Amino acid sequence: GETWYAGSVKGRFTISRDSAKNTVYLQMHSLKPEDTAMYYCAYRRQY
């Protein structure tokens, strides 16, 4: 469950996962105009 955040979002965004549902979330608070973008999720299996 170790997490990493870009400096621009640390303290405002939280990534989490629900393994049973195989779902990952991104909770975003205190949104700024600079956060405007297309957001993509990504996957990697191998270490």
All heavy atoms as atom14 arrays in JSON, in Angstrom:
{
  "sequence": "GETWYAGSVKGRFTISRDSAKNTVYLQMHSLKPEDTAMYYCAYRRQY",
  "atom14_mask": [
    [1, 1, 1, 1, 0, 0, 0, 0, 0, 0, 0, 0, 0, 0],
    [1, 1, 1, 1, 1, 1, 1, 1, 1, 0, 0, 0, 0, 0],
    [1, 1, 1, 1, 1, 1, 1, 0, 0, 0, 0, 0, 0, 0],
    [1, 1, 1, 1, 1, 1, 1, 1, 1, 1, 1, 1, 1, 1],
    [1, 1, 1, 1, 1, 1, 1, 1, 1, 1, 1, 1, 0, 0],
    [1, 1, 1, 1, 1, 0, 0, 0, 0, 0, 0, 0, 0, 0],
    [1, 1, 1, 1, 0, 0, 0, 0, 0, 0, 0, 0, 0, 0],
    [1, 1, 1, 1, 1, 1, 0, 0, 0, 0, 0, 0, 0, 0],
    [1, 1, 1, 1, 1, 1, 1, 0, 0, 0, 0, 0, 0, 0],
    [1, 1, 1, 1, 1, 1, 1, 1, 1, 0, 0, 0, 0, 0],
    [1, 1, 1, 1, 0, 0, 0, 0, 0, 0, 0, 0, 0, 0],
    [1, 1, 1, 1, 1, 1, 1, 1, 1, 1, 1, 0, 0, 0],
    [1, 1, 1, 1, 1, 1, 1, 1, 1, 1, 1, 0, 0, 0],
    [1, 1, 1, 1, 1, 1, 1, 0, 0, 0, 0, 0, 0, 0],
    [1, 1, 1, 1, 1, 1, 1, 1, 0, 0, 0, 0, 0, 0],
    [1, 1, 1, 1, 1, 1, 0, 0, 0, 0, 0, 0, 0, 0],
    [1, 1, 1, 1, 1, 1, 1, 1, 1, 1, 1, 0, 0, 0],
    [1, 1, 1, 1, 1, 1, 1, 1, 0, 0, 0, 0, 0, 0],
    [1, 1, 1, 1, 1, 1, 0, 0, 0, 0, 0, 0, 0, 0],
    [1, 1, 1, 1, 1, 0, 0, 0, 0, 0, 0, 0, 0, 0],
    [1, 1, 1, 1, 1, 1, 1, 1, 1, 0, 0, 0, 0, 0],
    [1, 1, 1, 1, 1, 1, 1, 1, 0, 0, 0, 0, 0, 0],
    [1, 1, 1, 1, 1, 1, 1, 0, 0, 0, 0, 0, 0, 0],
    [1, 1, 1, 1, 1, 1, 1, 0, 0, 0, 0, 0, 0, 0],
    [1, 1, 1, 1, 1, 1, 1, 1, 1, 1, 1, 1, 0, 0],
    [1, 1, 1, 1, 1, 1, 1, 1, 0, 0, 0, 0, 0, 0],
    [1, 1, 1, 1, 1, 1, 1, 1, 1, 0, 0, 0, 0, 0],
    [1, 1, 1, 1, 1, 1, 1, 1, 0, 0, 0, 0, 0, 0],
    [1, 1, 1, 1, 1, 1, 1, 1, 1, 1, 0, 0, 0, 0],
    [1, 1, 1, 1, 1, 1, 0, 0, 0, 0, 0, 0, 0, 0],
    [1, 1, 1, 1, 1, 1, 1, 1, 0, 0, 0, 0, 0, 0],
    [1, 1, 1, 1, 1, 1, 1, 1, 1, 0, 0, 0, 0, 0],
    [1, 1, 1, 1, 1, 1, 1, 0, 0, 0, 0, 0, 0, 0],
    [1, 1, 1, 1, 1, 1, 1, 1, 1, 0, 0, 0, 0, 0],
    [1, 1, 1, 1, 1, 1, 1, 1, 0, 0, 0, 0, 0, 0],
    [1, 1, 1, 1, 1, 1, 1, 0, 0, 0, 0, 0, 0, 0],
    [1, 1, 1, 1, 1, 0, 0, 0, 0, 0, 0, 0, 0, 0],
    [1, 1, 1, 1, 1, 1, 1, 1, 0, 0, 0, 0, 0, 0],
    [1, 1, 1, 1, 1, 1, 1, 1, 1, 1, 1, 1, 0, 0],
    [1, 1, 1, 1, 1, 1, 1, 1, 1, 1, 1, 1, 0, 0],
    [1, 1, 1, 1, 1, 1, 0, 0, 0, 0, 0, 0, 0, 0],
    [1, 1, 1, 1, 1, 0, 0, 0, 0, 0, 0, 0, 0, 0],
    [1, 1, 1, 1, 1, 1, 1, 1, 1, 1, 1, 1, 0, 0],
    [1, 1, 1, 1, 1, 1, 1, 1, 1, 1, 1, 0, 0, 0],
    [1, 1, 1, 1, 1, 1, 1, 1, 1, 1, 1, 0, 0, 0],
    [1, 1, 1, 1, 1, 1, 1, 1, 1, 0, 0, 0, 0, 0],
    [1, 1, 1, 1, 1, 1, 1, 1, 1, 1, 1, 1, 0, 0]
  ],
  "atom14_positions": [
    [[0.78, -1.21, 0.0], [0.0, 0.0, 0.0], [0.82, 1.27, 0.0], [0.26, 2.36, 0.21], [0.0, 0.0, 0.0], [0.0, 0.0, 0.0], [0.0, 0.0, 0.0], [0.0, 0.0, 0.0], [0.0, 0.0, 0.0], [0.0, 0.0, 0.0], [0.0, 0.0, 0.0], [0.0, 0.0, 0.0], [0.0, 0.0, 0.0], [0.0, 0.0, 0.0]],
    [[2.12, 1.16, -0.22], [2.96, 2.35, -0.29], [2.49, 3.24, -1.42], [2.12, 2.77, -2.5], [4.42, 1.96, -0.5], [5.37, 3.14, -0.48], [6.82, 2.73, -0.65], [7.08, 1.53, -0.85], [7.69, 3.61, -0.56], [0.0, 0.0, 0.0], [0.0, 0.0, 0.0], [0.0, 0.0, 0.0], [0.0, 0.0, 0.0], [0.0, 0.0, 0.0]],
    [[2.49, 4.53, -1.17], [2.01, 5.49, -2.16], [3.06, 6.52, -2.51], [4.0, 6.76, -1.75], [0.75, 6.22, -1.66], [1.04, 6.87, -0.41], [-0.4, 5.24, -1.45], [0.0, 0.0, 0.0], [0.0, 0.0, 0.0], [0.0, 0.0, 0.0], [0.0, 0.0, 0.0], [0.0, 0.0, 0.0], [0.0, 0.0, 0.0], [0.0, 0.0, 0.0]],
    [[2.89, 7.11, -3.66], [3.73, 8.19, -4.14], [2.82, 9.27, -4.73], [1.81, 8.97, -5.35], [4.7, 7.7, -5.21], [5.42, 8.83, -5.9], [6.58, 9.41, -5.52], [4.99, 9.52, -7.08], [6.92, 10.42, -6.39], [5.95, 10.51, -7.36], [3.88, 9.4, -7.93], [5.85, 11.37, -8.44], [3.77, 10.25, -9.01], [4.75, 11.22, -9.26]],
    [[3.22, 10.54, -4.52], [2.47, 11.65, -5.06], [3.4, 12.67, -5.69], [4.52, 12.9, -5.19], [1.67, 12.36, -3.97], [0.63, 11.5, -3.31], [0.91, 10.81, -2.14], [-0.64, 11.37, -3.87], [-0.04, 10.01, -1.54], [-1.59, 10.57, -3.27], [-1.29, 9.9, -2.11], [-2.24, 9.11, -1.52], [0.0, 0.0, 0.0], [0.0, 0.0, 0.0]],
    [[2.95, 13.25, -6.76], [3.65, 14.39, -7.31], [3.6, 15.54, -6.3], [2.61, 15.71, -5.58], [3.03, 14.82, -8.63], [0.0, 0.0, 0.0], [0.0, 0.0, 0.0], [0.0, 0.0, 0.0], [0.0, 0.0, 0.0], [0.0, 0.0, 0.0], [0.0, 0.0, 0.0], [0.0, 0.0, 0.0], [0.0, 0.0, 0.0], [0.0, 0.0, 0.0]],
    [[4.67, 16.32, -6.26], [4.72, 17.41, -5.31], [3.57, 18.39, -5.45], [3.11, 18.98, -4.46], [0.0, 0.0, 0.0], [0.0, 0.0, 0.0], [0.0, 0.0, 0.0], [0.0, 0.0, 0.0], [0.0, 0.0, 0.0], [0.0, 0.0, 0.0], [0.0, 0.0, 0.0], [0.0, 0.0, 0.0], [0.0, 0.0, 0.0], [0.0, 0.0, 0.0]],
    [[3.08, 18.55, -6.66], [2.02, 19.52, -6.92], [0.67, 19.11, -6.33], [-0.22, 19.95, -6.19], [1.88, 19.76, -8.42], [1.58, 18.55, -9.1], [0.0, 0.0, 0.0], [0.0, 0.0, 0.0], [0.0, 0.0, 0.0], [0.0, 0.0, 0.0], [0.0, 0.0, 0.0], [0.0, 0.0, 0.0], [0.0, 0.0, 0.0], [0.0, 0.0, 0.0]],
    [[0.52, 17.83, -5.99], [-0.77, 17.35, -5.49], [-0.68, 16.8, -4.07], [-1.73, 16.54, -3.45], [-1.39, 16.29, -6.41], [-1.46, 16.79, -7.84], [-0.62, 14.97, -6.33], [0.0, 0.0, 0.0], [0.0, 0.0, 0.0], [0.0, 0.0, 0.0], [0.0, 0.0, 0.0], [0.0, 0.0, 0.0], [0.0, 0.0, 0.0], [0.0, 0.0, 0.0]],
    [[0.52, 16.62, -3.56], [0.68, 16.05, -2.23], [-0.04, 16.91, -1.19], [0.1, 18.12, -1.16], [2.16, 15.92, -1.88], [2.42, 15.1, -0.64], [3.91, 14.85, -0.45], [4.16, 13.95, 0.75], [5.61, 13.68, 0.93], [0.0, 0.0, 0.0], [0.0, 0.0, 0.0], [0.0, 0.0, 0.0], [0.0, 0.0, 0.0], [0.0, 0.0, 0.0]],
    [[-0.8, 16.24, -0.34], [-1.59, 16.93, 0.66], [-2.99, 17.27, 0.21], [-3.84, 17.6, 1.04], [0.0, 0.0, 0.0], [0.0, 0.0, 0.0], [0.0, 0.0, 0.0], [0.0, 0.0, 0.0], [0.0, 0.0, 0.0], [0.0, 0.0, 0.0], [0.0, 0.0, 0.0], [0.0, 0.0, 0.0], [0.0, 0.0, 0.0], [0.0, 0.0, 0.0]],
    [[-3.23, 17.19, -1.09], [-4.56, 17.47, -1.64], [-5.22, 16.23, -2.24], [-6.44, 16.09, -2.19], [-4.48, 18.55, -2.71], [-3.93, 19.88, -2.21], [-4.06, 20.97, -3.27], [-3.27, 20.67, -4.46], [-3.79, 20.52, -5.68], [-5.09, 20.65, -5.88], [-2.99, 20.26, -6.71], [0.0, 0.0, 0.0], [0.0, 0.0, 0.0], [0.0, 0.0, 0.0]],
    [[-4.41, 15.35, -2.82], [-4.92, 14.14, -3.47], [-4.57, 12.92, -2.64], [-3.51, 12.88, -2.0], [-4.33, 13.97, -4.87], [-4.76, 14.98, -5.89], [-5.46, 16.11, -5.54], [-4.43, 14.78, -7.23], [-5.85, 17.05, -6.49], [-4.81, 15.7, -8.19], [-5.52, 16.83, -7.83], [0.0, 0.0, 0.0], [0.0, 0.0, 0.0], [0.0, 0.0, 0.0]],
    [[-5.41, 11.91, -2.69], [-5.15, 10.65, -2.02], [-5.48, 9.49, -2.95], [-6.6, 9.41, -3.47], [-5.98, 10.51, -0.74], [-5.69, 11.58, 0.16], [-5.66, 9.18, -0.04], [0.0, 0.0, 0.0], [0.0, 0.0, 0.0], [0.0, 0.0, 0.0], [0.0, 0.0, 0.0], [0.0, 0.0, 0.0], [0.0, 0.0, 0.0], [0.0, 0.0, 0.0]],
    [[-4.51, 8.61, -3.16], [-4.74, 7.42, -3.95], [-5.02, 6.26, -3.0], [-4.41, 6.15, -1.94], [-3.54, 7.1, -4.88], [-3.89, 5.95, -5.83], [-2.29, 6.79, -4.08], [-2.84, 5.72, -6.92], [0.0, 0.0, 0.0], [0.0, 0.0, 0.0], [0.0, 0.0, 0.0], [0.0, 0.0, 0.0], [0.0, 0.0, 0.0], [0.0, 0.0, 0.0]],
    [[-5.96, 5.43, -3.36], [-6.31, 4.28, -2.54], [-6.79, 3.16, -3.45], [-7.01, 3.36, -4.63], [-7.39, 4.63, -1.51], [-8.59, 5.05, -2.14], [0.0, 0.0, 0.0], [0.0, 0.0, 0.0], [0.0, 0.0, 0.0], [0.0, 0.0, 0.0], [0.0, 0.0, 0.0], [0.0, 0.0, 0.0], [0.0, 0.0, 0.0], [0.0, 0.0, 0.0]],
    [[-6.95, 1.98, -2.87], [-7.41, 0.84, -3.66], [-8.34, -0.05, -2.86], [-8.25, -0.13, -1.64], [-6.23, 0.04, -4.2], [-5.27, -0.46, -3.13], [-4.08, -1.14, -3.78], [-3.03, -1.42, -2.81], [-2.96, -2.51, -2.06], [-3.9, -3.44, -2.16], [-1.97, -2.66, -1.21], [0.0, 0.0, 0.0], [0.0, 0.0, 0.0], [0.0, 0.0, 0.0]],
    [[-9.2, -0.73, -3.57], [-10.09, -1.72, -3.0], [-9.77, -3.01, -3.74], [-10.23, -3.22, -4.86], [-11.55, -1.32, -3.19], [-12.51, -2.28, -2.52], [-12.18, -3.46, -2.35], [-13.62, -1.83, -2.17], [0.0, 0.0, 0.0], [0.0, 0.0, 0.0], [0.0, 0.0, 0.0], [0.0, 0.0, 0.0], [0.0, 0.0, 0.0], [0.0, 0.0, 0.0]],
    [[-8.98, -3.86, -3.11], [-8.51, -5.07, -3.76], [-9.66, -6.01, -4.13], [-9.61, -6.68, -5.16], [-7.5, -5.79, -2.88], [-6.34, -5.0, -2.69], [0.0, 0.0, 0.0], [0.0, 0.0, 0.0], [0.0, 0.0, 0.0], [0.0, 0.0, 0.0], [0.0, 0.0, 0.0], [0.0, 0.0, 0.0], [0.0, 0.0, 0.0], [0.0, 0.0, 0.0]],
    [[-10.67, -6.09, -3.28], [-11.79, -6.97, -3.54], [-12.52, -6.57, -4.82], [-13.04, -7.42, -5.54], [-12.76, -6.97, -2.36], [0.0, 0.0, 0.0], [0.0, 0.0, 0.0], [0.0, 0.0, 0.0], [0.0, 0.0, 0.0], [0.0, 0.0, 0.0], [0.0, 0.0, 0.0], [0.0, 0.0, 0.0], [0.0, 0.0, 0.0], [0.0, 0.0, 0.0]],
    [[-12.56, -5.28, -5.1], [-13.22, -4.79, -6.3], [-12.24, -4.55, -7.44], [-12.66, -4.2, -8.54], [-13.95, -3.48, -5.99], [-15.07, -3.61, -4.98], [-15.74, -2.27, -4.73], [-16.87, -2.38, -3.73], [-17.51, -1.07, -3.47], [0.0, 0.0, 0.0], [0.0, 0.0, 0.0], [0.0, 0.0, 0.0], [0.0, 0.0, 0.0], [0.0, 0.0, 0.0]],
    [[-10.95, -4.73, -7.16], [-9.9, -4.47, -8.14], [-10.05, -3.06, -8.72], [-10.04, -2.86, -9.93], [-9.91, -5.51, -9.26], [-8.51, -5.83, -9.76], [-7.52, -5.45, -9.16], [-8.43, -6.53, -10.87], [0.0, 0.0, 0.0], [0.0, 0.0, 0.0], [0.0, 0.0, 0.0], [0.0, 0.0, 0.0], [0.0, 0.0, 0.0], [0.0, 0.0, 0.0]],
    [[-10.18, -2.12, -7.82], [-10.43, -0.74, -8.18], [-9.46, 0.17, -7.46], [-9.15, -0.05, -6.28], [-11.87, -0.33, -7.84], [-12.78, -1.19, -8.54], [-12.14, 1.11, -8.23], [0.0, 0.0, 0.0], [0.0, 0.0, 0.0], [0.0, 0.0, 0.0], [0.0, 0.0, 0.0], [0.0, 0.0, 0.0], [0.0, 0.0, 0.0], [0.0, 0.0, 0.0]],
    [[-8.99, 1.18, -8.15], [-8.14, 2.2, -7.55], [-8.87, 3.54, -7.64], [-9.61, 3.79, -8.6], [-6.76, 2.26, -8.24], [-6.89, 2.68, -9.69], [-5.83, 3.18, -7.48], [0.0, 0.0, 0.0], [0.0, 0.0, 0.0], [0.0, 0.0, 0.0], [0.0, 0.0, 0.0], [0.0, 0.0, 0.0], [0.0, 0.0, 0.0], [0.0, 0.0, 0.0]],
    [[-8.66, 4.38, -6.64], [-9.34, 5.66, -6.55], [-8.34, 6.8, -6.45], [-7.22, 6.62, -5.99], [-10.26, 5.7, -5.33], [-11.25, 4.58, -5.25], [-10.97, 3.42, -4.54], [-12.48, 4.67, -5.9], [-11.88, 2.39, -4.47], [-13.4, 3.65, -5.83], [-13.09, 2.5, -5.12], [-14.01, 1.48, -5.05], [0.0, 0.0, 0.0], [0.0, 0.0, 0.0]],
    [[-8.79, 7.96, -6.85], [-8.03, 9.18, -6.63], [-8.98, 10.21, -6.06], [-9.82, 10.76, -6.79], [-7.39, 9.69, -7.92], [-6.46, 10.89, -7.74], [-5.2, 10.48, -6.96], [-6.07, 11.49, -9.08], [0.0, 0.0, 0.0], [0.0, 0.0, 0.0], [0.0, 0.0, 0.0], [0.0, 0.0, 0.0], [0.0, 0.0, 0.0], [0.0, 0.0, 0.0]],
    [[-8.88, 10.44, -4.76], [-9.68, 11.46, -4.1], [-8.95, 12.78, -4.21], [-7.81, 12.9, -3.76], [-9.91, 11.1, -2.64], [-10.71, 12.14, -1.86], [-12.13, 12.25, -2.33], [-12.91, 11.3, -2.2], [-12.5, 13.41, -2.88], [0.0, 0.0, 0.0], [0.0, 0.0, 0.0], [0.0, 0.0, 0.0], [0.0, 0.0, 0.0], [0.0, 0.0, 0.0]],
    [[-9.6, 13.78, -4.79], [-8.98, 15.07, -5.03], [-9.73, 16.15, -4.26], [-10.95, 16.29, -4.41], [-8.99, 15.4, -6.52], [-8.34, 14.31, -7.38], [-8.26, 14.76, -9.14], [-10.02, 14.75, -9.54], [0.0, 0.0, 0.0], [0.0, 0.0, 0.0], [0.0, 0.0, 0.0], [0.0, 0.0, 0.0], [0.0, 0.0, 0.0], [0.0, 0.0, 0.0]],
    [[-9.0, 16.88, -3.43], [-9.54, 17.99, -2.67], [-8.8, 19.27, -3.03], [-7.71, 19.24, -3.58], [-9.42, 17.73, -1.17], [-10.25, 16.61, -0.65], [-11.62, 16.62, -0.7], [-9.9, 15.43, -0.07], [-12.09, 15.5, -0.17], [-11.05, 14.77, 0.22], [0.0, 0.0, 0.0], [0.0, 0.0, 0.0], [0.0, 0.0, 0.0], [0.0, 0.0, 0.0]],
    [[-9.41, 20.39, -2.67], [-8.8, 21.7, -2.89], [-8.31, 21.86, -4.32], [-7.18, 22.3, -4.57], [-7.65, 21.91, -1.9], [-8.11, 21.82, -0.56], [0.0, 0.0, 0.0], [0.0, 0.0, 0.0], [0.0, 0.0, 0.0], [0.0, 0.0, 0.0], [0.0, 0.0, 0.0], [0.0, 0.0, 0.0], [0.0, 0.0, 0.0], [0.0, 0.0, 0.0]],
    [[-9.15, 21.5, -5.25], [-8.76, 21.52, -6.65], [-8.46, 22.94, -7.13], [-9.1, 23.91, -6.71], [-9.85, 20.9, -7.51], [-9.9, 19.37, -7.44], [-11.23, 18.85, -7.93], [-8.75, 18.78, -8.26], [0.0, 0.0, 0.0], [0.0, 0.0, 0.0], [0.0, 0.0, 0.0], [0.0, 0.0, 0.0], [0.0, 0.0, 0.0], [0.0, 0.0, 0.0]],
    [[-7.48, 23.02, -8.0], [-7.03, 24.28, -8.58], [-7.21, 24.24, -10.08], [-7.24, 23.17, -10.68], [-5.54, 24.5, -8.25], [-5.19, 24.42, -6.78], [-3.68, 24.51, -6.59], [-3.3, 24.42, -5.14], [-1.82, 24.48, -4.96], [0.0, 0.0, 0.0], [0.0, 0.0, 0.0], [0.0, 0.0, 0.0], [0.0, 0.0, 0.0], [0.0, 0.0, 0.0]],
    [[-7.29, 25.41, -10.72], [-7.38, 25.42, -12.19], [-6.22, 24.67, -12.84], [-6.41, 24.07, -13.91], [-7.34, 26.91, -12.53], [-7.97, 27.56, -11.34], [-7.48, 26.76, -10.16], [0.0, 0.0, 0.0], [0.0, 0.0, 0.0], [0.0, 0.0, 0.0], [0.0, 0.0, 0.0], [0.0, 0.0, 0.0], [0.0, 0.0, 0.0], [0.0, 0.0, 0.0]],
    [[-5.06, 24.67, -12.22], [-3.9, 23.97, -12.75], [-4.09, 22.46, -12.77], [-3.31, 21.75, -13.43], [-2.64, 24.31, -11.94], [-2.37, 25.78, -11.8], [-2.96, 26.36, -10.52], [-4.15, 26.75, -10.55], [-2.24, 26.43, -9.51], [0.0, 0.0, 0.0], [0.0, 0.0, 0.0], [0.0, 0.0, 0.0], [0.0, 0.0, 0.0], [0.0, 0.0, 0.0]],
    [[-5.08, 21.96, -12.06], [-5.36, 20.53, -12.06], [-6.19, 20.09, -13.26], [-6.41, 18.89, -13.45], [-6.1, 20.12, -10.78], [-5.28, 20.36, -9.53], [-4.07, 20.05, -9.54], [-5.85, 20.85, -8.53], [0.0, 0.0, 0.0], [0.0, 0.0, 0.0], [0.0, 0.0, 0.0], [0.0, 0.0, 0.0], [0.0, 0.0, 0.0], [0.0, 0.0, 0.0]],
    [[-6.65, 21.04, -14.04], [-7.46, 20.72, -15.21], [-6.66, 19.87, -16.19], [-5.57, 20.27, -16.62], [-7.94, 22.0, -15.91], [-8.82, 22.71, -15.03], [-8.69, 21.67, -17.19], [0.0, 0.0, 0.0], [0.0, 0.0, 0.0], [0.0, 0.0, 0.0], [0.0, 0.0, 0.0], [0.0, 0.0, 0.0], [0.0, 0.0, 0.0], [0.0, 0.0, 0.0]],
    [[-7.19, 18.71, -16.52], [-6.49, 17.79, -17.41], [-7.36, 16.56, -17.65], [-8.37, 16.36, -16.98], [-5.15, 17.35, -16.8], [0.0, 0.0, 0.0], [0.0, 0.0, 0.0], [0.0, 0.0, 0.0], [0.0, 0.0, 0.0], [0.0, 0.0, 0.0], [0.0, 0.0, 0.0], [0.0, 0.0, 0.0], [0.0, 0.0, 0.0], [0.0, 0.0, 0.0]],
    [[-6.94, 15.75, -18.6], [-7.48, 14.42, -18.74], [-6.7, 13.52, -17.79], [-5.46, 13.52, -17.81], [-7.35, 13.93, -20.18], [-8.01, 12.58, -20.43], [-9.82, 12.68, -20.48], [-10.05, 13.48, -22.07], [0.0, 0.0, 0.0], [0.0, 0.0, 0.0], [0.0, 0.0, 0.0], [0.0, 0.0, 0.0], [0.0, 0.0, 0.0], [0.0, 0.0, 0.0]],
    [[-7.41, 12.79, -16.96], [-6.78, 11.91, -15.98], [-6.88, 10.47, -16.43], [-7.96, 9.99, -16.81], [-7.43, 12.08, -14.61], [-6.97, 13.34, -13.9], [-7.37, 14.59, -14.34], [-6.12, 13.26, -12.8], [-6.94, 15.74, -13.71], [-5.69, 14.41, -12.16], [-6.1, 15.64, -12.62], [-5.66, 16.79, -11.98], [0.0, 0.0, 0.0], [0.0, 0.0, 0.0]],
    [[-5.75, 9.77, -16.38], [-5.66, 8.38, -16.82], [-5.18, 7.5, -15.68], [-4.3, 7.89, -14.92], [-4.66, 8.24, -17.96], [-4.97, 9.05, -19.2], [-4.51, 10.35, -19.32], [-5.7, 8.5, -20.24], [-4.77, 11.09, -20.46], [-5.97, 9.23, -21.38], [-5.5, 10.53, -21.48], [-5.76, 11.26, -22.61], [0.0, 0.0, 0.0], [0.0, 0.0, 0.0]],
    [[-5.73, 6.31, -15.58], [-5.16, 5.32, -14.68], [-4.32, 4.35, -15.48], [-4.52, 4.16, -16.68], [-6.24, 4.58, -13.87], [-7.36, 3.55, -14.82], [0.0, 0.0, 0.0], [0.0, 0.0, 0.0], [0.0, 0.0, 0.0], [0.0, 0.0, 0.0], [0.0, 0.0, 0.0], [0.0, 0.0, 0.0], [0.0, 0.0, 0.0], [0.0, 0.0, 0.0]],
    [[-3.35, 3.75, -14.82], [-2.38, 2.89, -15.48], [-2.05, 1.68, -14.61], [-2.16, 1.75, -13.38], [-1.12, 3.68, -15.82], [0.0, 0.0, 0.0], [0.0, 0.0, 0.0], [0.0, 0.0, 0.0], [0.0, 0.0, 0.0], [0.0, 0.0, 0.0], [0.0, 0.0, 0.0], [0.0, 0.0, 0.0], [0.0, 0.0, 0.0], [0.0, 0.0, 0.0]],
    [[-1.6, 0.63, -15.25], [-1.36, -0.67, -14.61], [-0.01, -1.24, -15.02], [0.41, -1.1, -16.17], [-2.49, -1.62, -15.0], [-2.19, -3.1, -14.88], [-2.51, -3.8, -13.72], [-1.64, -3.81, -15.94], [-2.28, -5.17, -13.61], [-1.39, -5.17, -15.84], [-1.71, -5.85, -14.67], [-1.48, -7.2, -14.57], [0.0, 0.0, 0.0], [0.0, 0.0, 0.0]],
    [[0.64, -1.87, -14.06], [1.83, -2.66, -14.35], [1.82, -3.88, -13.45], [1.61, -3.75, -12.24], [3.12, -1.88, -14.15], [4.38, -2.71, -14.45], [5.66, -1.94, -14.21], [6.82, -2.8, -14.36], [7.44, -3.05, -15.51], [7.01, -2.48, -16.64], [8.49, -3.85, -15.56], [0.0, 0.0, 0.0], [0.0, 0.0, 0.0], [0.0, 0.0, 0.0]],
    [[2.08, -5.06, -14.0], [2.09, -6.29, -13.22], [3.46, -6.58, -12.61], [3.56, -6.88, -11.42], [1.65, -7.48, -14.07], [1.68, -8.81, -13.34], [1.25, -9.95, -14.25], [2.15, -10.14, -15.37], [3.28, -10.84, -15.32], [3.64, -11.43, -14.18], [4.05, -10.95, -16.39], [0.0, 0.0, 0.0], [0.0, 0.0, 0.0], [0.0, 0.0, 0.0]],
    [[4.49, -6.53, -13.41], [5.82, -6.97, -13.0], [6.5, -5.97, -12.08], [6.3, -4.76, -12.18], [6.7, -7.23, -14.22], [6.25, -8.41, -15.06], [7.22, -8.72, -16.17], [7.69, -7.82, -16.87], [7.54, -10.0, -16.33], [0.0, 0.0, 0.0], [0.0, 0.0, 0.0], [0.0, 0.0, 0.0], [0.0, 0.0, 0.0], [0.0, 0.0, 0.0]],
    [[7.32, -6.51, -11.19], [8.09, -5.7, -10.27], [9.0, -4.75, -11.03], [9.6, -5.11, -12.04], [8.93, -6.61, -9.37], [9.71, -5.89, -8.31], [9.12, -5.52, -7.1], [11.05, -5.58, -8.5], [9.84, -4.86, -6.12], [11.78, -4.92, -7.53], [11.16, -4.56, -6.34], [11.9, -3.91, -5.38], [0.0, 0.0, 0.0], [0.0, 0.0, 0.0]]
  ]
}
